[in-house]
N, C-alpha and C. Protein backbone atom coordinates (compact mmCIF):
# COMPACT_ATOMS: atom_id res chain seq x y z
N MET A 1 -20.08 176.06 166.98
CA MET A 1 -21.28 176.03 167.77
C MET A 1 -22.14 174.84 167.33
N ALA A 2 -22.47 174.00 168.24
CA ALA A 2 -23.26 172.79 167.94
C ALA A 2 -24.69 173.16 167.56
N PHE A 3 -25.29 172.32 166.74
CA PHE A 3 -26.72 172.43 166.45
C PHE A 3 -27.46 171.82 167.64
N GLU A 4 -28.55 172.46 168.07
CA GLU A 4 -29.34 171.92 169.17
C GLU A 4 -30.81 171.86 168.79
N THR A 5 -31.46 170.79 169.22
CA THR A 5 -32.90 170.63 169.07
C THR A 5 -33.41 169.96 170.34
N GLU A 6 -34.70 170.03 170.57
CA GLU A 6 -35.26 169.44 171.78
C GLU A 6 -36.25 168.34 171.43
N THR A 7 -36.37 167.40 172.35
CA THR A 7 -37.35 166.33 172.23
C THR A 7 -37.91 166.04 173.62
N ILE A 8 -39.10 165.50 173.65
CA ILE A 8 -39.73 165.10 174.90
C ILE A 8 -39.82 163.58 174.91
N VAL A 9 -39.48 162.96 176.03
CA VAL A 9 -39.64 161.51 176.16
C VAL A 9 -41.12 161.22 176.29
N ARG A 10 -41.64 160.50 175.33
CA ARG A 10 -43.07 160.19 175.26
C ARG A 10 -43.33 158.77 175.75
N PHE A 11 -44.58 158.48 175.97
CA PHE A 11 -44.99 157.15 176.44
C PHE A 11 -44.47 156.05 175.51
N ALA A 12 -44.50 156.31 174.21
CA ALA A 12 -44.04 155.31 173.23
C ALA A 12 -42.54 155.05 173.32
N HIS A 13 -41.79 155.92 173.97
CA HIS A 13 -40.34 155.77 174.07
C HIS A 13 -39.90 154.89 175.24
N VAL A 14 -40.77 154.69 176.23
CA VAL A 14 -40.32 154.02 177.46
C VAL A 14 -40.74 152.55 177.49
N ASP A 15 -40.00 151.78 178.29
CA ASP A 15 -40.29 150.36 178.47
C ASP A 15 -41.03 150.15 179.79
N ALA A 16 -41.21 148.90 180.16
CA ALA A 16 -41.96 148.57 181.38
C ALA A 16 -41.27 149.11 182.64
N ALA A 17 -39.97 149.36 182.58
CA ALA A 17 -39.25 149.92 183.72
C ALA A 17 -39.44 151.44 183.82
N GLY A 18 -40.07 152.03 182.79
CA GLY A 18 -40.34 153.46 182.81
C GLY A 18 -39.19 154.32 182.30
N ILE A 19 -38.20 153.70 181.67
CA ILE A 19 -37.08 154.45 181.11
C ILE A 19 -37.05 154.25 179.60
N VAL A 20 -36.33 155.14 178.90
CA VAL A 20 -36.27 155.05 177.45
C VAL A 20 -35.69 153.69 177.05
N PHE A 21 -36.44 152.99 176.21
CA PHE A 21 -36.00 151.73 175.61
C PHE A 21 -34.95 152.10 174.57
N TYR A 22 -33.74 151.55 174.67
CA TYR A 22 -32.59 152.05 173.93
C TYR A 22 -32.80 152.25 172.43
N PRO A 23 -33.56 151.39 171.69
CA PRO A 23 -33.71 151.68 170.26
C PRO A 23 -34.48 152.98 169.99
N ARG A 24 -35.27 153.41 170.96
CA ARG A 24 -36.02 154.65 170.77
C ARG A 24 -35.10 155.87 170.74
N TYR A 25 -33.96 155.78 171.46
CA TYR A 25 -32.97 156.86 171.37
C TYR A 25 -32.51 157.03 169.92
N PHE A 26 -32.35 155.92 169.20
CA PHE A 26 -31.87 156.00 167.83
C PHE A 26 -32.92 156.63 166.92
N GLU A 27 -34.21 156.41 167.23
CA GLU A 27 -35.26 157.10 166.49
C GLU A 27 -35.22 158.60 166.79
N MET A 28 -35.00 158.96 168.06
CA MET A 28 -34.89 160.37 168.43
C MET A 28 -33.66 161.00 167.78
N LEU A 29 -32.57 160.24 167.69
CA LEU A 29 -31.36 160.72 167.03
C LEU A 29 -31.64 161.00 165.56
N ASN A 30 -32.33 160.09 164.90
CA ASN A 30 -32.66 160.29 163.49
C ASN A 30 -33.51 161.55 163.31
N ALA A 31 -34.47 161.78 164.22
CA ALA A 31 -35.29 162.99 164.16
C ALA A 31 -34.43 164.24 164.34
N ALA A 32 -33.44 164.17 165.24
CA ALA A 32 -32.55 165.32 165.46
C ALA A 32 -31.70 165.59 164.21
N VAL A 33 -31.22 164.53 163.57
CA VAL A 33 -30.46 164.69 162.32
C VAL A 33 -31.35 165.32 161.25
N GLU A 34 -32.60 164.89 161.19
CA GLU A 34 -33.54 165.47 160.24
C GLU A 34 -33.74 166.96 160.53
N ASP A 35 -33.86 167.33 161.81
CA ASP A 35 -33.98 168.75 162.20
C ASP A 35 -32.73 169.53 161.79
N TRP A 36 -31.56 168.91 161.97
CA TRP A 36 -30.29 169.57 161.63
C TRP A 36 -30.23 169.87 160.13
N PHE A 37 -30.58 168.90 159.30
CA PHE A 37 -30.55 169.13 157.86
C PHE A 37 -31.56 170.20 157.46
N ALA A 38 -32.73 170.21 158.08
CA ALA A 38 -33.72 171.26 157.79
C ALA A 38 -33.16 172.63 158.16
N ALA A 39 -32.47 172.72 159.29
CA ALA A 39 -31.87 173.99 159.72
C ALA A 39 -30.78 174.45 158.75
N MET A 40 -30.17 173.49 158.05
CA MET A 40 -29.14 173.83 157.07
C MET A 40 -29.73 174.12 155.70
N GLY A 41 -31.07 174.10 155.60
CA GLY A 41 -31.73 174.46 154.35
C GLY A 41 -32.05 173.29 153.43
N LEU A 42 -31.91 172.06 153.93
CA LEU A 42 -32.21 170.90 153.10
C LEU A 42 -33.05 169.91 153.90
N ASP A 43 -34.38 170.16 153.89
CA ASP A 43 -35.27 169.26 154.63
C ASP A 43 -35.29 167.88 153.96
N PHE A 44 -35.67 166.87 154.72
CA PHE A 44 -35.63 165.50 154.22
C PHE A 44 -36.57 165.26 153.04
N ALA A 45 -37.71 165.94 152.99
CA ALA A 45 -38.62 165.76 151.85
C ALA A 45 -37.92 166.21 150.57
N THR A 46 -37.32 167.39 150.59
CA THR A 46 -36.60 167.89 149.41
C THR A 46 -35.42 166.98 149.10
N MET A 47 -34.66 166.64 150.14
CA MET A 47 -33.49 165.81 149.94
C MET A 47 -33.84 164.48 149.28
N HIS A 48 -34.79 163.77 149.87
CA HIS A 48 -35.09 162.42 149.40
C HIS A 48 -35.90 162.39 148.12
N VAL A 49 -36.92 163.25 148.03
CA VAL A 49 -37.83 163.19 146.89
C VAL A 49 -37.31 164.01 145.70
N ALA A 50 -37.04 165.28 145.94
CA ALA A 50 -36.64 166.16 144.84
C ALA A 50 -35.20 165.93 144.38
N ARG A 51 -34.31 165.64 145.33
CA ARG A 51 -32.88 165.52 144.98
C ARG A 51 -32.40 164.07 144.93
N ASN A 52 -33.27 163.13 145.29
CA ASN A 52 -32.93 161.70 145.24
C ASN A 52 -31.63 161.40 145.99
N MET A 53 -31.51 162.03 147.16
CA MET A 53 -30.30 161.93 147.96
C MET A 53 -30.70 161.53 149.38
N GLY A 54 -29.88 160.71 150.01
CA GLY A 54 -30.12 160.32 151.39
C GLY A 54 -28.84 160.43 152.20
N VAL A 55 -28.99 160.29 153.53
CA VAL A 55 -27.83 160.36 154.43
C VAL A 55 -27.92 159.21 155.45
N PRO A 56 -27.77 157.98 154.98
CA PRO A 56 -27.86 156.87 155.91
C PRO A 56 -26.74 156.88 156.95
N THR A 57 -27.05 156.34 158.10
CA THR A 57 -26.06 156.15 159.16
C THR A 57 -25.31 154.88 158.86
N ILE A 58 -23.98 154.96 158.84
CA ILE A 58 -23.20 153.76 158.56
C ILE A 58 -22.42 153.27 159.78
N LYS A 59 -22.41 154.09 160.84
CA LYS A 59 -21.73 153.67 162.07
C LYS A 59 -22.33 154.41 163.25
N LEU A 60 -22.51 153.67 164.35
CA LEU A 60 -23.00 154.24 165.62
C LEU A 60 -22.17 153.67 166.76
N ASP A 61 -21.76 154.51 167.67
CA ASP A 61 -21.10 154.07 168.89
C ASP A 61 -21.75 154.84 170.03
N ALA A 62 -22.56 154.14 170.82
CA ALA A 62 -23.36 154.80 171.85
C ALA A 62 -22.88 154.47 173.25
N THR A 63 -22.90 155.48 174.10
CA THR A 63 -22.62 155.31 175.52
C THR A 63 -23.83 155.84 176.29
N PHE A 64 -24.49 154.94 177.00
CA PHE A 64 -25.67 155.30 177.78
C PHE A 64 -25.19 155.75 179.16
N VAL A 65 -25.35 157.03 179.43
CA VAL A 65 -24.78 157.65 180.62
C VAL A 65 -25.74 157.61 181.80
N ALA A 66 -26.99 157.97 181.57
CA ALA A 66 -28.00 158.01 182.63
C ALA A 66 -29.36 157.78 181.98
N PRO A 67 -30.30 157.19 182.71
CA PRO A 67 -31.62 156.92 182.13
C PRO A 67 -32.44 158.19 181.93
N SER A 68 -33.33 158.12 180.95
CA SER A 68 -34.32 159.17 180.73
C SER A 68 -35.68 158.56 180.96
N GLU A 69 -36.59 159.36 181.50
CA GLU A 69 -37.91 158.86 181.89
C GLU A 69 -39.01 159.63 181.17
N LEU A 70 -40.20 159.06 181.21
CA LEU A 70 -41.38 159.66 180.62
C LEU A 70 -41.52 161.11 181.06
N GLY A 71 -41.70 162.00 180.08
CA GLY A 71 -41.88 163.42 180.37
C GLY A 71 -40.61 164.24 180.38
N ASP A 72 -39.45 163.59 180.41
CA ASP A 72 -38.19 164.34 180.39
C ASP A 72 -38.07 165.15 179.10
N ARG A 73 -37.57 166.37 179.25
CA ARG A 73 -37.26 167.21 178.09
C ARG A 73 -35.76 167.10 177.86
N LEU A 74 -35.40 166.66 176.67
CA LEU A 74 -34.00 166.44 176.35
C LEU A 74 -33.54 167.40 175.26
N THR A 75 -32.35 167.91 175.41
CA THR A 75 -31.69 168.68 174.36
C THR A 75 -30.74 167.75 173.65
N VAL A 76 -30.82 167.74 172.34
CA VAL A 76 -29.91 166.93 171.53
C VAL A 76 -28.97 167.89 170.81
N SER A 77 -27.67 167.75 171.06
CA SER A 77 -26.65 168.58 170.43
C SER A 77 -25.91 167.75 169.39
N ILE A 78 -25.73 168.32 168.21
CA ILE A 78 -25.01 167.65 167.13
C ILE A 78 -23.83 168.51 166.74
N THR A 79 -22.63 167.91 166.78
CA THR A 79 -21.40 168.62 166.42
C THR A 79 -20.63 167.79 165.40
N PRO A 80 -20.46 168.29 164.17
CA PRO A 80 -19.63 167.58 163.20
C PRO A 80 -18.18 167.55 163.68
N LYS A 81 -17.54 166.41 163.51
CA LYS A 81 -16.13 166.26 163.90
C LYS A 81 -15.22 166.24 162.69
N GLU A 82 -15.68 165.59 161.62
CA GLU A 82 -14.89 165.52 160.39
C GLU A 82 -15.86 165.41 159.22
N ILE A 83 -15.63 166.25 158.21
CA ILE A 83 -16.46 166.21 157.01
C ILE A 83 -15.56 165.77 155.87
N GLY A 84 -15.82 164.56 155.38
CA GLY A 84 -15.05 164.03 154.27
C GLY A 84 -15.74 164.34 152.95
N ARG A 85 -15.27 163.72 151.88
CA ARG A 85 -15.86 163.92 150.56
C ARG A 85 -17.33 163.55 150.56
N SER A 86 -17.64 162.38 151.13
CA SER A 86 -19.03 161.90 151.12
C SER A 86 -19.51 161.44 152.49
N SER A 87 -18.68 161.56 153.51
CA SER A 87 -19.08 161.14 154.85
C SER A 87 -18.91 162.29 155.83
N CYS A 88 -19.57 162.13 156.97
CA CYS A 88 -19.46 163.12 158.05
C CYS A 88 -19.53 162.37 159.37
N SER A 89 -18.50 162.51 160.18
CA SER A 89 -18.56 161.95 161.52
C SER A 89 -19.00 163.08 162.45
N LEU A 90 -19.87 162.72 163.37
CA LEU A 90 -20.39 163.73 164.28
C LEU A 90 -20.58 163.14 165.67
N ALA A 91 -20.63 164.03 166.63
CA ALA A 91 -20.94 163.66 168.01
C ALA A 91 -22.32 164.19 168.33
N ALA A 92 -23.13 163.34 168.93
CA ALA A 92 -24.46 163.75 169.38
C ALA A 92 -24.55 163.49 170.88
N VAL A 93 -25.09 164.45 171.60
CA VAL A 93 -25.23 164.32 173.05
C VAL A 93 -26.68 164.63 173.41
N PHE A 94 -27.30 163.72 174.15
CA PHE A 94 -28.63 163.93 174.71
C PHE A 94 -28.43 164.35 176.16
N ALA A 95 -29.06 165.45 176.56
CA ALA A 95 -28.92 165.92 177.94
C ALA A 95 -30.26 166.43 178.44
N GLY A 96 -30.46 166.31 179.73
CA GLY A 96 -31.67 166.81 180.35
C GLY A 96 -31.43 167.07 181.83
N GLU A 97 -32.04 168.11 182.32
CA GLU A 97 -31.92 168.48 183.73
C GLU A 97 -30.47 168.58 184.18
N GLY A 98 -29.64 169.14 183.30
CA GLY A 98 -28.26 169.40 183.66
C GLY A 98 -27.32 168.22 183.62
N ARG A 99 -27.76 167.09 183.08
CA ARG A 99 -26.83 165.95 183.01
C ARG A 99 -26.97 165.22 181.68
N GLU A 100 -25.86 164.67 181.23
CA GLU A 100 -25.86 163.88 180.01
C GLU A 100 -26.64 162.60 180.22
N ARG A 101 -27.34 162.19 179.18
CA ARG A 101 -28.07 160.93 179.21
C ARG A 101 -27.46 159.92 178.24
N LEU A 102 -27.02 160.43 177.08
CA LEU A 102 -26.51 159.56 176.01
C LEU A 102 -25.50 160.33 175.19
N ARG A 103 -24.39 159.66 174.86
CA ARG A 103 -23.40 160.20 173.92
C ARG A 103 -23.29 159.22 172.76
N VAL A 104 -23.33 159.75 171.55
CA VAL A 104 -23.28 158.90 170.36
C VAL A 104 -22.29 159.48 169.36
N ASP A 105 -21.38 158.64 168.88
CA ASP A 105 -20.54 158.99 167.74
C ASP A 105 -21.18 158.35 166.53
N VAL A 106 -21.40 159.15 165.50
CA VAL A 106 -22.17 158.73 164.33
C VAL A 106 -21.37 159.05 163.07
N VAL A 107 -21.49 158.18 162.08
CA VAL A 107 -20.97 158.49 160.75
C VAL A 107 -22.14 158.41 159.77
N LEU A 108 -22.36 159.52 159.06
CA LEU A 108 -23.36 159.58 158.00
C LEU A 108 -22.64 159.58 156.66
N VAL A 109 -23.30 159.10 155.63
CA VAL A 109 -22.73 159.16 154.29
C VAL A 109 -23.76 159.76 153.35
N CYS A 110 -23.31 160.59 152.44
CA CYS A 110 -24.17 161.18 151.43
C CYS A 110 -24.34 160.16 150.31
N MET A 111 -25.59 159.90 149.93
CA MET A 111 -25.85 158.79 149.01
C MET A 111 -26.81 159.19 147.90
N ASP A 112 -26.51 158.76 146.70
CA ASP A 112 -27.43 158.84 145.57
C ASP A 112 -28.38 157.66 145.73
N LEU A 113 -29.65 157.94 146.01
CA LEU A 113 -30.60 156.87 146.31
C LEU A 113 -30.88 155.97 145.11
N GLY A 114 -30.86 156.53 143.91
CA GLY A 114 -31.11 155.72 142.72
C GLY A 114 -29.96 154.79 142.40
N ALA A 115 -28.76 155.32 142.44
CA ALA A 115 -27.56 154.53 142.11
C ALA A 115 -27.09 153.67 143.28
N ARG A 116 -27.59 153.98 144.49
CA ARG A 116 -27.17 153.25 145.70
C ARG A 116 -25.66 153.29 145.90
N ARG A 117 -25.12 154.52 145.76
CA ARG A 117 -23.68 154.70 145.97
C ARG A 117 -23.45 156.06 146.62
N SER A 118 -22.29 156.19 147.23
CA SER A 118 -21.97 157.47 147.87
C SER A 118 -21.67 158.52 146.82
N ILE A 119 -21.96 159.76 147.18
CA ILE A 119 -21.66 160.91 146.33
C ILE A 119 -21.07 162.00 147.23
N ALA A 120 -20.44 162.96 146.61
CA ALA A 120 -19.86 164.07 147.36
C ALA A 120 -20.97 164.94 147.96
N TRP A 121 -20.70 165.48 149.14
CA TRP A 121 -21.62 166.43 149.74
C TRP A 121 -21.76 167.62 148.80
N PRO A 122 -22.95 168.12 148.59
CA PRO A 122 -23.08 169.38 147.84
C PRO A 122 -22.30 170.49 148.56
N ASP A 123 -21.64 171.34 147.78
CA ASP A 123 -20.77 172.37 148.36
C ASP A 123 -21.50 173.24 149.38
N GLU A 124 -22.74 173.65 149.05
CA GLU A 124 -23.47 174.54 149.97
C GLU A 124 -23.80 173.82 151.28
N LEU A 125 -24.03 172.52 151.22
CA LEU A 125 -24.32 171.76 152.43
C LEU A 125 -23.05 171.57 153.26
N ARG A 126 -21.94 171.32 152.60
CA ARG A 126 -20.66 171.17 153.30
C ARG A 126 -20.35 172.45 154.11
N VAL A 127 -20.60 173.61 153.52
CA VAL A 127 -20.36 174.89 154.21
C VAL A 127 -21.25 174.99 155.44
N GLU A 128 -22.53 174.65 155.28
CA GLU A 128 -23.48 174.71 156.40
C GLU A 128 -23.09 173.74 157.51
N MET A 129 -22.70 172.52 157.14
CA MET A 129 -22.30 171.53 158.14
C MET A 129 -21.12 172.04 158.96
N ALA A 130 -20.16 172.63 158.29
CA ALA A 130 -18.94 173.11 158.96
C ALA A 130 -19.25 174.23 159.96
N ARG A 131 -20.32 174.99 159.73
CA ARG A 131 -20.68 176.07 160.66
C ARG A 131 -20.97 175.54 162.06
N TYR A 132 -21.39 174.29 162.17
CA TYR A 132 -21.76 173.71 163.46
C TYR A 132 -20.62 172.97 164.14
N GLY A 133 -19.48 172.91 163.50
CA GLY A 133 -18.36 172.17 164.06
C GLY A 133 -17.29 173.05 164.65
N ASP A 134 -16.33 172.43 165.27
CA ASP A 134 -15.15 173.12 165.79
C ASP A 134 -14.19 173.31 164.62
N PRO A 135 -13.91 174.55 164.22
CA PRO A 135 -13.05 174.79 163.06
C PRO A 135 -11.71 174.07 163.14
N ALA A 136 -11.20 173.87 164.35
CA ALA A 136 -9.91 173.21 164.52
C ALA A 136 -10.01 171.72 164.19
N GLN A 137 -11.22 171.16 164.26
CA GLN A 137 -11.39 169.73 164.01
C GLN A 137 -11.95 169.40 162.64
N ILE A 138 -12.54 170.37 161.96
CA ILE A 138 -13.15 170.11 160.66
C ILE A 138 -12.07 170.17 159.59
N SER A 139 -12.02 169.11 158.77
CA SER A 139 -11.02 169.07 157.70
C SER A 139 -11.59 169.61 156.40
């Protein structure tokens, strides 16, 4: 079962044409990832400050399917596809009014912020991440 969160397209997200300016989708995606980690019991404040751990994005592949406009309510779905030792590939889909707006394949890596190197996902987080994926696809 995918993780889902909602966002509203705000004035700051749109360009002069009245549609979401593409880099703003990536900000919304980052907010959705932050919501996902909070739902798994590890909010970004605790992660970054208390645990000195981060989850930078190391790869993005985006397909813009349909435009989103000011005031649109979008559902962002996050589904892990593969959870490695220190990385996680996931699919994110933005949808609104019954149609897809954006599909993104993302790779996150678990990182020790002080050492600036990858580290293994904490076991309890790995279990939580897997709950949102397709068991047949999670390794």
